[in-house]
PDB file of N, CA and C in Angstrom:
ATOM      1  N   UNK A   1       3.484  41.607 102.707  1.00  0.00           N
ATOM      2  CA  UNK A   1       2.129  41.636 101.640  1.00  0.00           C
ATOM      3  C   UNK A   1       2.108  40.495 101.545  1.00  0.00           C
ATOM      4  N   UNK A   2       3.031  39.245 101.532  1.00  0.00           N
ATOM      5  CA  UNK A   2       2.548  37.958 101.991  1.00  0.00           C
ATOM      6  C   UNK A   2       1.434  37.649 102.543  1.00  0.00           C
ATOM      7  N   UNK A   3       1.491  37.756 103.498  1.00  0.00           N
ATOM      8  CA  UNK A   3       0.187  37.918 104.474  1.00  0.00           C
ATOM      9  C   UNK A   3      -1.127  38.569 104.413  1.00  0.00           C
ATOM     10  N   UNK A   4      -0.524  39.469 103.456  1.00  0.00           N
ATOM     11  CA  UNK A   4      -1.901  40.065 103.420  1.00  0.00           C
ATOM     12  C   UNK A   4      -2.531  39.710 102.053  1.00  0.00           C
ATOM     13  N   UNK A   5      -1.548  39.099 101.066  1.00  0.00           N
ATOM     14  CA  UNK A   5      -1.951  37.934  99.735  1.00  0.00           C
ATOM     15  C   UNK A   5      -2.759  37.300 100.359  1.00  0.00           C
ATOM     16  N   UNK A   6      -2.145  36.274 101.472  1.00  0.00           N
ATOM     17  CA  UNK A   6      -2.904  34.702 102.290  1.00  0.00           C
ATOM     18  C   UNK A   6      -4.130  35.117 102.548  1.00  0.00           C
ATOM     19  N   UNK A   7      -4.247  36.182 103.438  1.00  0.00           N
ATOM     20  CA  UNK A   7      -5.518  36.423 104.095  1.00  0.00           C
ATOM     21  C   UNK A   7      -6.670  36.804 103.386  1.00  0.00           C
ATOM     22  N   UNK A   8      -6.152  37.205 102.400  1.00  0.00           N
ATOM     23  CA  UNK A   8      -7.141  38.092 101.275  1.00  0.00           C
ATOM     24  C   UNK A   8      -7.345  37.154 100.617  1.00  0.00           C
ATOM     25  N   UNK A   9      -6.433  36.396  99.807  1.00  0.00           N
ATOM     26  CA  UNK A   9      -6.800  35.753  98.446  1.00  0.00           C
ATOM     27  C   UNK A   9      -6.768  36.095  97.528  1.00  0.00           C
ATOM     28  N   UNK A  10      -6.437  37.010  97.637  1.00  0.00           N
ATOM     29  CA  UNK A  10      -5.825  37.999  96.372  1.00  0.00           C
ATOM     30  C   UNK A  10      -3.776  37.368  95.854  1.00  0.00           C
ATOM     31  N   UNK A  11      -3.595  37.640  94.700  1.00  0.00           N
ATOM     32  CA  UNK A  11      -2.634  36.950  93.965  1.00  0.00           C
ATOM     33  C   UNK A  11      -2.067  38.315  95.168  1.00  0.00           C
ATOM     34  N   UNK A  12      -0.288  37.914  95.159  1.00  0.00           N
ATOM     35  CA  UNK A  12       0.446  38.556  95.554  1.00  0.00           C
ATOM     36  C   UNK A  12       0.953  39.173  94.490  1.00  0.00           C
ATOM     37  N   UNK A  13       0.871  39.182  93.598  1.00  0.00           N
ATOM     38  CA  UNK A  13       1.209  40.416  92.742  1.00  0.00           C
ATOM     39  C   UNK A  13       0.252  41.854  92.809  1.00  0.00           C
ATOM     40  N   UNK A  14      -1.172  41.335  92.776  1.00  0.00           N
ATOM     41  CA  UNK A  14      -2.026  41.871  92.473  1.00  0.00           C
ATOM     42  C   UNK A  14      -1.667  43.094  94.250  1.00  0.00           C
ATOM     43  N   UNK A  15      -1.924  42.117  95.248  1.00  0.00           N
ATOM     44  CA  UNK A  15      -1.228  43.329  96.555  1.00  0.00           C
ATOM     45  C   UNK A  15      -0.132  44.255  96.236  1.00  0.00           C
ATOM     46  N   UNK A  16       1.001  43.187  95.774  1.00  0.00           N
ATOM     47  CA  UNK A  16       2.675  43.785  95.707  1.00  0.00           C
ATOM     48  C   UNK A  16       2.356  45.131  94.992  1.00  0.00           C
ATOM     49  N   UNK A  17       1.380  45.042  94.024  1.00  0.00           N
ATOM     50  CA  UNK A  17       1.300  46.420  92.897  1.00  0.00           C
ATOM     51  C   UNK A  17       0.574  47.251  93.778  1.00  0.00           C
ATOM     52  N   UNK A  18      -0.620  47.158  94.143  1.00  0.00           N
ATOM     53  CA  UNK A  18      -1.629  47.641  94.813  1.00  0.00           C
ATOM     54  C   UNK A  18      -0.741  48.856  95.972  1.00  0.00           C
ATOM     55  N   UNK A  19       0.160  48.012  97.165  1.00  0.00           N
ATOM     56  CA  UNK A  19       0.445  48.627  98.410  1.00  0.00           C
ATOM     57  C   UNK A  19       2.331  49.112  97.698  1.00  0.00           C
ATOM     58  N   UNK A  20       2.836  49.054  96.592  1.00  0.00           N
ATOM     59  CA  UNK A  20       4.155  49.610  95.903  1.00  0.00           C
ATOM     60  C   UNK A  20       4.172  50.239  94.585  1.00  0.00           C
ATOM     61  N   UNK A  21       3.186  50.269  93.933  1.00  0.00           N
ATOM     62  CA  UNK A  21       2.925  50.840  92.899  1.00  0.00           C
ATOM     63  C   UNK A  21       2.777  52.406  92.736  1.00  0.00           C
ATOM     64  N   UNK A  22       2.942  52.614  91.135  1.00  0.00           N
ATOM     65  CA  UNK A  22       2.837  54.139  91.606  1.00  0.00           C
ATOM     66  C   UNK A  22       1.501  54.651  91.512  1.00  0.00           C
ATOM     67  N   UNK A  23       1.546  56.058  92.120  1.00  0.00           N
ATOM     68  CA  UNK A  23       0.414  56.685  92.655  1.00  0.00           C
ATOM     69  C   UNK A  23      -0.810  57.079  91.505  1.00  0.00           C
ATOM     70  N   UNK A  24      -1.702  56.920  91.846  1.00  0.00           N
ATOM     71  CA  UNK A  24      -2.822  56.919  91.010  1.00  0.00           C
ATOM     72  C   UNK A  24      -2.381  58.565  89.936  1.00  0.00           C
ATOM     73  N   UNK A  25      -2.731  58.816  89.226  1.00  0.00           N
ATOM     74  CA  UNK A  25      -2.367  59.856  88.114  1.00  0.00           C
ATOM     75  C   UNK A  25      -3.731  60.399  87.840  1.00  0.00           C
ATOM     76  N   UNK A  26      -4.994  60.109  87.632  1.00  0.00           N
ATOM     77  CA  UNK A  26      -6.293  60.411  87.370  1.00  0.00           C
ATOM     78  C   UNK A  26      -7.371  60.398  88.337  1.00  0.00           C
ATOM     79  N   UNK A  27      -8.548  60.995  88.188  1.00  0.00           N
ATOM     80  CA  UNK A  27      -9.724  60.815  89.018  1.00  0.00           C
ATOM     81  C   UNK A  27      -9.868  59.394  89.122  1.00  0.00           C
ATOM     82  N   UNK A  28      -9.889  58.489  88.420  1.00  0.00           N
ATOM     83  CA  UNK A  28     -10.468  57.191  88.178  1.00  0.00           C
ATOM     84  C   UNK A  28      -9.386  56.231  88.843  1.00  0.00           C
ATOM     85  N   UNK A  29      -8.121  56.334  88.170  1.00  0.00           N
ATOM     86  CA  UNK A  29      -6.884  55.161  88.829  1.00  0.00           C
ATOM     87  C   UNK A  29      -7.582  55.650  90.377  1.00  0.00           C
ATOM     88  N   UNK A  30      -7.071  56.915  91.170  1.00  0.00           N
ATOM     89  CA  UNK A  30      -7.262  57.191  92.029  1.00  0.00           C
ATOM     90  C   UNK A  30      -8.941  56.532  93.184  1.00  0.00           C
ATOM     91  N   UNK A  31     -10.288  56.632  92.207  1.00  0.00           N
ATOM     92  CA  UNK A  31     -11.235  55.888  92.557  1.00  0.00           C
ATOM     93  C   UNK A  31     -10.858  54.555  92.610  1.00  0.00           C
ATOM     94  N   UNK A  32     -10.168  53.526  91.565  1.00  0.00           N
ATOM     95  CA  UNK A  32      -9.582  52.325  91.607  1.00  0.00           C
ATOM     96  C   UNK A  32      -8.813  51.861  92.961  1.00  0.00           C
ATOM     97  N   UNK A  33      -7.751  52.686  92.888  1.00  0.00           N
ATOM     98  CA  UNK A  33      -6.959  52.273  94.062  1.00  0.00           C
ATOM     99  C   UNK A  33      -8.051  52.129  95.447  1.00  0.00           C
ATOM    100  N   UNK A  34      -8.354  53.254  95.593  1.00  0.00           N
ATOM    101  CA  UNK A  34      -8.921  53.416  96.789  1.00  0.00           C
ATOM    102  C   UNK A  34      -9.548  52.073  96.695  1.00  0.00           C
ATOM    103  N   UNK A  35     -10.983  51.882  96.278  1.00  0.00           N
ATOM    104  CA  UNK A  35     -11.917  50.510  95.787  1.00  0.00           C
ATOM    105  C   UNK A  35     -11.470  49.416  96.225  1.00  0.00           C
ATOM    106  N   UNK A  36      -9.816  49.338  96.227  1.00  0.00           N
ATOM    107  CA  UNK A  36      -8.897  47.957  95.901  1.00  0.00           C
ATOM    108  C   UNK A  36      -8.235  47.729  97.139  1.00  0.00           C
ATOM    109  N   UNK A  37      -8.015  49.299  97.518  1.00  0.00           N
ATOM    110  CA  UNK A  37      -7.368  48.882  99.008  1.00  0.00           C
ATOM    111  C   UNK A  37      -8.353  48.508 100.664  1.00  0.00           C
ATOM    112  N   UNK A  38      -9.787  48.900  99.699  1.00  0.00           N
ATOM    113  CA  UNK A  38     -10.576  48.881 100.873  1.00  0.00           C
ATOM    114  C   UNK A  38     -11.198  46.980 100.707  1.00  0.00           C
ATOM    115  N   UNK A  39     -11.252  47.182  99.792  1.00  0.00           N
ATOM    116  CA  UNK A  39     -11.529  45.777  99.500  1.00  0.00           C
ATOM    117  C   UNK A  39     -10.648  44.978 100.320  1.00  0.00           C
ATOM    118  N   UNK A  40      -9.028  44.832 100.047  1.00  0.00           N
ATOM    119  CA  UNK A  40      -8.220  44.397 100.797  1.00  0.00           C
ATOM    120  C   UNK A  40      -8.397  44.872 101.884  1.00  0.00           C
ATOM    121  N   UNK A  41      -8.631  45.233 102.674  1.00  0.00           N
ATOM    122  CA  UNK A  41      -8.433  45.889 103.951  1.00  0.00           C
ATOM    123  C   UNK A  41      -9.902  44.702 104.644  1.00  0.00           C
ATOM    124  N   UNK A  42     -10.814  44.691 104.356  1.00  0.00           N
ATOM    125  CA  UNK A  42     -12.024  43.953 104.517  1.00  0.00           C
ATOM    126  C   UNK A  42     -11.745  42.651 104.225  1.00  0.00           C
ATOM    127  N   UNK A  43     -11.295  41.882 103.089  1.00  0.00           N
ATOM    128  CA  UNK A  43     -10.706  40.477 103.347  1.00  0.00           C
ATOM    129  C   UNK A  43      -9.893  40.314 104.168  1.00  0.00           C
ATOM    130  N   UNK A  44      -8.598  40.836 104.475  1.00  0.00           N
ATOM    131  CA  UNK A  44      -7.583  40.472 105.765  1.00  0.00           C
ATOM    132  C   UNK A  44      -8.588  41.069 107.079  1.00  0.00           C
ATOM    133  N   UNK A  45      -9.426  41.845 107.282  1.00  0.00           N
ATOM    134  CA  UNK A  45      -9.393  41.918 108.333  1.00  0.00           C
ATOM    135  C   UNK A  45     -11.180  40.811 108.819  1.00  0.00           C
ATOM    136  N   UNK A  46     -11.341  40.105 107.521  1.00  0.00           N
ATOM    137  CA  UNK A  46     -12.492  39.203 107.871  1.00  0.00           C
ATOM    138  C   UNK A  46     -12.191  38.035 108.196  1.00  0.00           C
ATOM    139  N   UNK A  47     -10.574  37.770 107.333  1.00  0.00           N
ATOM    140  CA  UNK A  47     -10.230  36.345 107.226  1.00  0.00           C
ATOM    141  C   UNK A  47      -9.674  35.800 108.972  1.00  0.00           C
TER     142      UNK A  47
END
């Protein structure tokens, strides 16, 4: 998680919550998590 946070420039707390937090319970939460994971992946990949 630390490496992903460092590479992405996102706060460690945000990355940790995204990767280990509770599963989404609504469609809106699912969309938010999916978008955040995509953003994290893109930032890490292009770092």
